[in-house]
Amino acid sequence: MNQDRYERVITAANNGTPDRVPWSVWAHYPAIPWLKYYSWELANRNGEHQAKAHLALLQALDYKMDLLKVTPFFRSMAYQWGSEFEFKNNDGKDTQKTIFVNEPEDWEKLWVLDPKKELRENLHCIQVLADTPHGTPFIYSISSAVTQALQGVSNPETFHQHLKEHPDAVMKGLETINESNKEFMKAAVDAGCHGFFYGIAGRGGYWSRFTKQQLIDITLKLDKDALSVDSELQMLHICNTLDENPEKNGKLMTSGWFNEYPVNILNWWDHHFVSVGEAKKVYGGKKCVAGGLDHKKTLMSTPEAIMAEAKQAIMDAADGGGFILAGGCTVSHEAPLANYNAVGKVVELYGRYKK
């Protein structure tokens, strides 16, 4: 008997064996050319517009996506605190014009954002998605406190200089950002959100610049506190750049470091560091592994290439359950609809478990 999408994802997330492999691919949906009439810039000011863009994505697919990852502007909180950004060309990108934290004392000027005031449009998006029948569980993207501090509230050079010279001020700012995350996450769950895509590291200045002890004392401590907000689906997105990642900088992935995180799903760019098959050996039975598709190369290639890579990922990591076929990060807005459908097709053909 086939499971519905919610039951399928929950089963996989909790390391069970669903009726078939669940799948998800995500992008900055309002910016996708084949989803006409949606604006990346407007979506960051209007929660209903943001929600409708994601619903349009689900409607456009020939194969039902099992898990919807909602992708707002990941620096939307920094925008509320006063950092300035410019959006051009409706390509899902932005240019940072100013940062809120320039001087050490600026960290103490941050305040806890109210999900029903400053973040009301983000919350409204969740409410629309929860109130619209579509049968797909969804998780909302949120960036860790340290990630926001590095990329949006301030920048890596300023952050690390302040952390070295004025640690108390920085920690006060990080705690404020973390409280903002927690308040929003609580309100999101109450509004019907199934969970969160919790991103750490972002665009750099993280894995190569924090010591192992700092990762324990600062980043992990804050992340555990934020992730204490109860939800059904907690996906930890372990971000990296071409120059730094948690395996190159500390062998964190293969040592099982991420078992420390109170999440049930791990996602990372598995074609850049540690394959899904390798990770399954380390985390299998403890965390659900989500990945297998190279968002930079394969998801931008052909349906045939996608199906071949997806089939291999299923062979490498699906046995025993606890696996979601997904991209390693956000795919470009230029990826065609046919490439999404190829992922859906391959799980129908090859994602069924042997009886």
Protein backbone atom coordinates (compact mmCIF):
# COMPACT_ATOMS: atom_id res chain seq x y z
CA MET A 1 0.00 0.00 0.00
CA ASN A 2 1.38 3.39 -0.98
CA GLN A 3 2.01 5.91 1.77
CA ASP A 4 0.98 9.52 1.43
CA ARG A 5 3.79 12.06 1.12
CA TYR A 6 3.68 13.16 4.74
CA GLU A 7 3.90 9.60 6.07
CA ARG A 8 6.62 8.74 3.56
CA VAL A 9 8.84 11.65 4.63
CA ILE A 10 8.24 11.17 8.36
CA THR A 11 9.12 7.49 8.03
CA ALA A 12 12.39 8.23 6.21
CA ALA A 13 13.27 11.13 8.53
CA ASN A 14 13.00 8.82 11.51
CA ASN A 15 15.25 6.21 9.88
CA GLY A 16 12.45 3.92 8.81
CA THR A 17 11.80 2.31 5.44
CA PRO A 18 8.96 4.03 3.55
CA ASP A 19 7.16 2.57 0.55
CA ARG A 20 9.69 4.30 -1.72
CA VAL A 21 12.51 6.83 -1.54
CA PRO A 22 11.19 10.37 -0.92
CA TRP A 23 12.62 13.23 -3.00
CA SER A 24 13.04 16.99 -2.86
CA VAL A 25 14.81 19.62 -4.95
CA TRP A 26 14.81 23.28 -4.00
CA ALA A 27 15.62 26.61 -5.58
CA HIS A 28 14.72 30.27 -5.15
CA TYR A 29 11.29 29.50 -6.57
CA PRO A 30 10.01 33.04 -7.15
CA ALA A 31 12.96 33.60 -9.49
CA ILE A 32 12.44 30.58 -11.77
CA PRO A 33 11.66 31.70 -15.36
CA TRP A 34 9.14 28.91 -16.03
CA LEU A 35 7.18 29.96 -12.96
CA LYS A 36 5.88 33.15 -14.51
CA TYR A 37 4.59 36.20 -12.65
CA TYR A 38 6.67 35.72 -9.49
CA SER A 39 9.28 38.13 -8.15
CA TRP A 40 12.20 37.21 -5.89
CA GLU A 41 12.30 40.74 -4.50
CA LEU A 42 8.54 40.94 -3.88
CA ALA A 43 8.50 37.52 -2.22
CA ASN A 44 10.75 38.92 0.50
CA ARG A 45 8.21 41.62 1.30
CA ASN A 46 4.97 39.73 0.75
CA GLY A 47 4.35 36.38 2.42
CA GLU A 48 1.36 35.48 0.28
CA HIS A 49 3.39 36.05 -2.89
CA GLN A 50 6.19 33.88 -1.46
CA ALA A 51 3.75 31.08 -0.66
CA LYS A 52 2.04 31.23 -4.05
CA ALA A 53 5.39 30.85 -5.83
CA HIS A 54 6.06 27.62 -3.92
CA LEU A 55 2.55 26.35 -4.57
CA ALA A 56 3.02 27.11 -8.27
CA LEU A 57 6.13 24.93 -8.23
CA LEU A 58 4.20 22.00 -6.78
CA GLN A 59 1.44 22.48 -9.37
CA ALA A 60 3.89 22.58 -12.28
CA LEU A 61 5.52 19.22 -11.52
CA ASP A 62 4.50 16.05 -13.36
CA TYR A 63 5.62 14.01 -10.34
CA LYS A 64 4.58 14.97 -6.81
CA MET A 65 7.49 16.23 -4.73
CA ASP A 66 7.54 14.54 -1.33
CA LEU A 67 9.03 17.36 0.73
CA LEU A 68 8.81 21.09 0.01
CA LYS A 69 11.70 23.20 1.26
CA VAL A 70 10.49 26.79 1.46
CA THR A 71 13.23 29.19 0.45
CA PRO A 72 12.86 32.77 1.63
CA PHE A 73 15.64 35.34 1.41
CA PHE A 74 18.11 33.81 3.87
CA ARG A 75 19.17 37.24 5.14
CA SER A 76 15.65 38.49 5.81
CA MET A 77 16.32 38.93 9.53
CA ALA A 78 19.44 41.01 8.82
CA TYR A 79 17.23 43.17 6.60
CA GLN A 80 14.89 43.78 9.52
CA TRP A 81 17.79 44.86 11.73
CA GLY A 82 18.92 47.40 9.16
CA SER A 83 21.36 45.78 6.76
CA GLU A 84 20.60 46.84 3.19
CA PHE A 85 20.40 44.67 0.08
CA GLU A 86 19.76 45.19 -3.60
CA PHE A 87 17.90 42.72 -5.82
CA LYS A 88 18.44 42.68 -9.58
CA ASN A 89 17.34 40.63 -12.57
CA ASN A 90 14.97 38.36 -10.61
CA ASP A 91 17.67 35.69 -10.42
CA GLY A 92 17.39 34.77 -6.76
CA LYS A 93 20.52 36.72 -5.85
CA ASP A 94 21.19 39.87 -3.91
CA THR A 95 23.97 42.40 -3.38
CA GLN A 96 24.71 43.52 0.18
CA LYS A 97 25.00 47.30 0.29
CA THR A 98 25.46 47.89 4.04
CA ILE A 99 25.83 45.83 7.21
CA PHE A 100 24.17 46.65 10.52
CA VAL A 101 27.12 45.68 12.72
CA ASN A 102 30.26 47.68 11.96
CA GLU A 103 31.51 48.52 15.46
CA PRO A 104 31.72 46.26 18.54
CA GLU A 105 28.96 48.15 20.33
CA ASP A 106 26.58 47.48 17.43
CA TRP A 107 26.16 43.86 18.54
CA GLU A 108 24.35 45.11 21.63
CA LYS A 109 21.96 47.22 19.54
CA LEU A 110 20.29 44.13 18.07
CA TRP A 111 16.86 43.29 19.47
CA VAL A 112 14.71 40.16 19.46
CA LEU A 113 12.53 40.26 16.34
CA ASP A 114 8.82 39.68 16.83
CA PRO A 115 7.47 36.99 14.45
CA LYS A 116 4.12 38.79 14.38
CA LYS A 117 5.63 42.18 13.61
CA GLU A 118 9.02 42.35 11.89
CA LEU A 119 8.74 38.76 10.60
CA ARG A 120 5.00 38.76 9.94
CA GLU A 121 5.37 38.25 6.17
CA ASN A 122 7.59 35.18 6.68
CA LEU A 123 5.00 33.84 9.09
CA HIS A 124 2.17 34.70 6.70
CA CYS A 125 3.84 32.56 4.00
CA ILE A 126 3.74 29.59 6.37
CA GLN A 127 0.12 30.24 7.26
CA VAL A 128 -0.89 30.30 3.57
CA LEU A 129 0.99 27.07 2.86
CA ALA A 130 -0.54 25.38 5.89
CA ASP A 131 -4.06 26.50 4.98
CA THR A 132 -3.84 25.48 1.29
CA PRO A 133 -4.53 21.78 0.57
CA HIS A 134 -1.57 20.32 -1.34
CA GLY A 135 -0.59 17.19 0.59
CA THR A 136 3.13 17.98 0.77
CA PRO A 137 4.91 18.42 4.11
CA PHE A 138 7.06 21.55 4.15
CA ILE A 139 10.04 22.88 6.05
CA TYR A 140 11.00 26.54 6.26
CA SER A 141 14.58 27.74 5.82
CA ILE A 142 16.26 29.46 8.73
CA SER A 143 19.93 30.34 9.18
CA SER A 144 21.80 29.74 12.41
CA ALA A 145 22.71 32.71 14.58
CA VAL A 146 26.40 32.48 13.68
CA THR A 147 25.61 32.18 9.97
CA GLN A 148 23.44 35.29 10.12
CA ALA A 149 26.13 37.16 12.03
CA LEU A 150 28.77 36.26 9.44
CA GLN A 151 26.60 36.79 6.36
CA GLY A 152 24.17 39.66 6.62
CA VAL A 153 24.17 41.20 10.09
CA SER A 154 27.91 41.76 9.68
CA ASN A 155 30.60 40.13 7.50
CA PRO A 156 33.28 37.49 8.17
CA GLU A 157 36.21 39.88 8.67
CA THR A 158 34.34 42.18 11.04
CA PHE A 159 32.80 39.28 12.95
CA HIS A 160 36.07 37.44 13.56
CA GLN A 161 37.90 40.61 14.54
CA HIS A 162 35.19 41.51 17.04
CA LEU A 163 35.05 37.94 18.36
CA LYS A 164 38.77 38.11 19.09
CA GLU A 165 38.81 41.60 20.60
CA HIS A 166 35.30 41.99 22.04
CA PRO A 167 33.93 38.47 22.66
CA ASP A 168 31.32 39.52 25.22
CA ALA A 169 29.69 41.99 22.84
CA VAL A 170 29.61 39.43 20.03
CA MET A 171 28.13 36.75 22.27
CA LYS A 172 25.38 39.11 23.39
CA GLY A 173 24.53 39.77 19.74
CA LEU A 174 24.56 36.08 18.90
CA GLU A 175 22.21 35.31 21.77
CA THR A 176 19.80 37.99 20.50
CA ILE A 177 19.84 36.52 16.99
CA ASN A 178 19.30 33.06 18.45
CA GLU A 179 16.31 34.24 20.47
CA SER A 180 14.86 35.74 17.29
CA ASN A 181 15.27 32.36 15.59
CA LYS A 182 13.58 30.53 18.46
CA GLU A 183 10.63 32.91 18.65
CA PHE A 184 10.07 32.62 14.91
CA MET A 185 10.41 28.84 14.93
CA LYS A 186 7.86 28.52 17.73
CA ALA A 187 5.39 30.73 15.86
CA ALA A 188 6.04 28.83 12.62
CA VAL A 189 5.21 25.47 14.21
CA ASP A 190 2.05 26.95 15.71
CA ALA A 191 1.10 28.19 12.22
CA GLY A 192 1.40 24.70 10.72
CA CYS A 193 5.02 24.39 9.60
CA HIS A 194 6.27 20.78 9.72
CA GLY A 195 9.84 21.76 10.53
CA PHE A 196 12.95 23.59 9.44
CA PHE A 197 15.84 23.56 7.03
CA TYR A 198 18.43 24.83 9.51
CA GLY A 199 21.48 26.16 7.69
CA ILE A 200 24.93 26.47 9.21
CA ALA A 201 28.12 27.96 7.74
CA GLY A 202 26.65 29.77 4.72
CA ARG A 203 29.06 31.51 2.39
CA GLY A 204 32.34 30.99 4.20
CA GLY A 205 34.40 32.24 7.13
CA TYR A 206 33.20 29.30 9.21
CA TRP A 207 34.86 25.90 8.91
CA SER A 208 38.33 27.29 8.27
CA ARG A 209 38.18 30.01 10.95
CA PHE A 210 36.58 28.46 14.02
CA THR A 211 38.64 26.18 16.21
CA LYS A 212 37.10 22.89 17.31
CA GLN A 213 36.61 24.34 20.78
CA GLN A 214 34.83 27.39 19.36
CA LEU A 215 32.56 25.10 17.38
CA ILE A 216 31.66 23.37 20.64
CA ASP A 217 31.38 26.43 22.86
CA ILE A 218 29.74 28.86 20.44
CA THR A 219 28.15 27.39 17.33
CA LEU A 220 26.96 24.01 18.64
CA LYS A 221 25.74 25.51 21.91
CA LEU A 222 23.62 28.12 20.13
CA ASP A 223 22.37 25.64 17.52
CA LYS A 224 21.27 23.13 20.14
CA ASP A 225 19.35 25.86 21.91
CA ALA A 226 17.57 26.95 18.71
CA LEU A 227 16.83 23.39 17.68
CA SER A 228 15.23 22.68 21.04
CA VAL A 229 12.05 24.11 19.47
CA ASP A 230 10.00 20.98 18.90
CA SER A 231 9.04 20.09 15.31
CA GLU A 232 8.57 16.91 13.30
CA LEU A 233 11.24 17.55 10.68
CA GLN A 234 14.60 19.10 11.52
CA MET A 235 16.99 19.11 8.56
CA LEU A 236 20.51 20.33 9.28
CA HIS A 237 22.03 21.82 6.14
CA ILE A 238 25.81 21.69 6.43
CA CYS A 239 26.91 24.37 4.01
CA ASN A 240 30.37 24.77 2.52
CA THR A 241 32.34 26.67 -0.09
CA LEU A 242 34.81 25.40 -2.64
CA ASP A 243 37.61 26.41 -0.26
CA GLU A 244 36.33 25.12 3.06
CA ASN A 245 34.17 22.34 4.40
CA PRO A 246 33.82 20.39 7.67
CA GLU A 247 35.73 17.40 6.33
CA LYS A 248 38.72 19.35 5.05
CA ASN A 249 38.71 21.41 8.24
CA GLY A 250 38.63 18.84 11.00
CA LYS A 251 37.25 15.57 9.57
CA LEU A 252 33.98 16.45 11.23
CA MET A 253 31.71 14.59 8.82
CA THR A 254 33.38 11.18 8.96
CA SER A 255 34.07 11.44 12.72
CA GLY A 256 30.32 11.59 13.40
CA TRP A 257 30.44 15.14 14.78
CA PHE A 258 26.99 15.96 13.45
CA ASN A 259 25.39 13.33 15.66
CA GLU A 260 25.70 16.06 18.30
CA TYR A 261 22.93 18.02 16.57
CA PRO A 262 19.33 17.37 17.73
CA VAL A 263 18.02 16.91 14.18
CA ASN A 264 16.68 13.91 12.30
CA ILE A 265 17.98 14.76 8.79
CA LEU A 266 21.44 15.75 7.49
CA ASN A 267 21.95 17.49 4.13
CA TRP A 268 25.19 18.66 2.53
CA TRP A 269 26.95 18.92 -0.84
CA ASP A 270 27.88 15.27 -0.94
CA HIS A 271 29.62 15.58 -4.32
CA HIS A 272 32.11 18.02 -2.81
CA PHE A 273 32.84 16.20 0.44
CA VAL A 274 31.79 12.77 1.77
CA SER A 275 29.38 10.83 -0.45
CA VAL A 276 25.94 9.75 0.74
CA GLY A 277 27.16 6.15 0.77
CA GLU A 278 30.07 7.01 3.06
CA ALA A 279 27.85 9.11 5.31
CA LYS A 280 25.29 6.33 5.61
CA LYS A 281 27.99 4.15 7.19
CA VAL A 282 28.63 6.80 9.82
CA TYR A 283 25.12 8.15 10.45
CA GLY A 284 22.84 5.30 9.39
CA GLY A 285 20.30 4.48 12.08
CA LYS A 286 20.98 7.81 13.80
CA LYS A 287 20.25 10.44 11.16
CA CYS A 288 18.38 10.36 7.88
CA VAL A 289 20.72 11.21 5.00
CA ALA A 290 19.40 13.67 2.38
CA GLY A 291 21.43 14.15 -0.79
CA GLY A 292 22.79 12.27 -3.77
CA LEU A 293 22.29 14.93 -6.47
CA ASP A 294 24.96 17.45 -7.42
CA HIS A 295 23.10 20.78 -7.53
CA LYS A 296 25.99 22.55 -9.25
CA LYS A 297 26.59 20.07 -12.07
CA THR A 298 24.12 17.23 -12.53
CA LEU A 299 20.88 19.06 -11.73
CA MET A 300 21.95 21.62 -14.33
CA SER A 301 22.70 18.92 -16.92
CA THR A 302 20.23 16.58 -18.66
CA PRO A 303 17.37 14.40 -17.39
CA GLU A 304 19.40 11.35 -18.46
CA ALA A 305 22.39 12.41 -16.34
CA ILE A 306 20.13 13.16 -13.40
CA MET A 307 18.46 9.77 -13.58
CA ALA A 308 21.81 7.98 -13.73
CA GLU A 309 23.19 9.86 -10.73
CA ALA A 310 19.97 9.46 -8.78
CA LYS A 311 19.85 5.73 -9.45
CA GLN A 312 23.41 5.37 -8.16
CA ALA A 313 22.62 7.38 -5.01
CA ILE A 314 19.62 5.16 -4.30
CA MET A 315 21.83 2.08 -4.70
CA ASP A 316 24.47 3.58 -2.39
CA ALA A 317 22.33 4.95 0.42
CA ALA A 318 18.68 3.85 0.34
CA ASP A 319 18.97 0.35 1.79
CA GLY A 320 17.52 0.19 5.27
CA GLY A 321 15.60 3.44 4.88
CA GLY A 322 16.65 6.76 6.36
CA PHE A 323 17.35 8.34 2.96
CA ILE A 324 15.85 11.24 1.01
CA LEU A 325 17.00 11.89 -2.54
CA ALA A 326 17.83 15.60 -2.75
CA GLY A 327 20.23 18.22 -4.01
CA GLY A 328 23.26 19.22 -1.99
CA CYS A 329 22.05 22.82 -1.80
CA THR A 330 19.93 25.33 -3.73
CA VAL A 331 19.90 24.65 -7.46
CA SER A 332 20.18 27.56 -9.88
CA HIS A 333 16.97 29.24 -11.02
CA GLU A 334 17.99 28.25 -14.57
CA ALA A 335 17.39 24.53 -14.00
CA PRO A 336 14.54 23.49 -16.35
CA LEU A 337 11.30 21.85 -15.27
CA ALA A 338 12.32 18.64 -17.04
CA ASN A 339 15.19 18.22 -14.58
CA TYR A 340 12.86 18.32 -11.59
CA ASN A 341 10.58 15.80 -13.24
CA ALA A 342 13.54 13.51 -13.89
CA VAL A 343 14.10 13.22 -10.14
CA GLY A 344 10.45 12.36 -9.58
CA LYS A 345 10.53 9.81 -12.37
CA VAL A 346 13.62 8.02 -11.11
CA VAL A 347 12.21 7.36 -7.64
CA GLU A 348 9.11 5.84 -9.21
CA LEU A 349 11.28 3.57 -11.35
CA TYR A 350 14.10 2.69 -8.96
CA GLY A 351 13.15 3.96 -5.51
CA ARG A 352 10.94 1.05 -4.49
CA TYR A 353 12.19 -1.28 -1.79
CA LYS A 354 12.40 -5.01 -2.26
CA LYS A 355 9.66 -6.95 -0.54
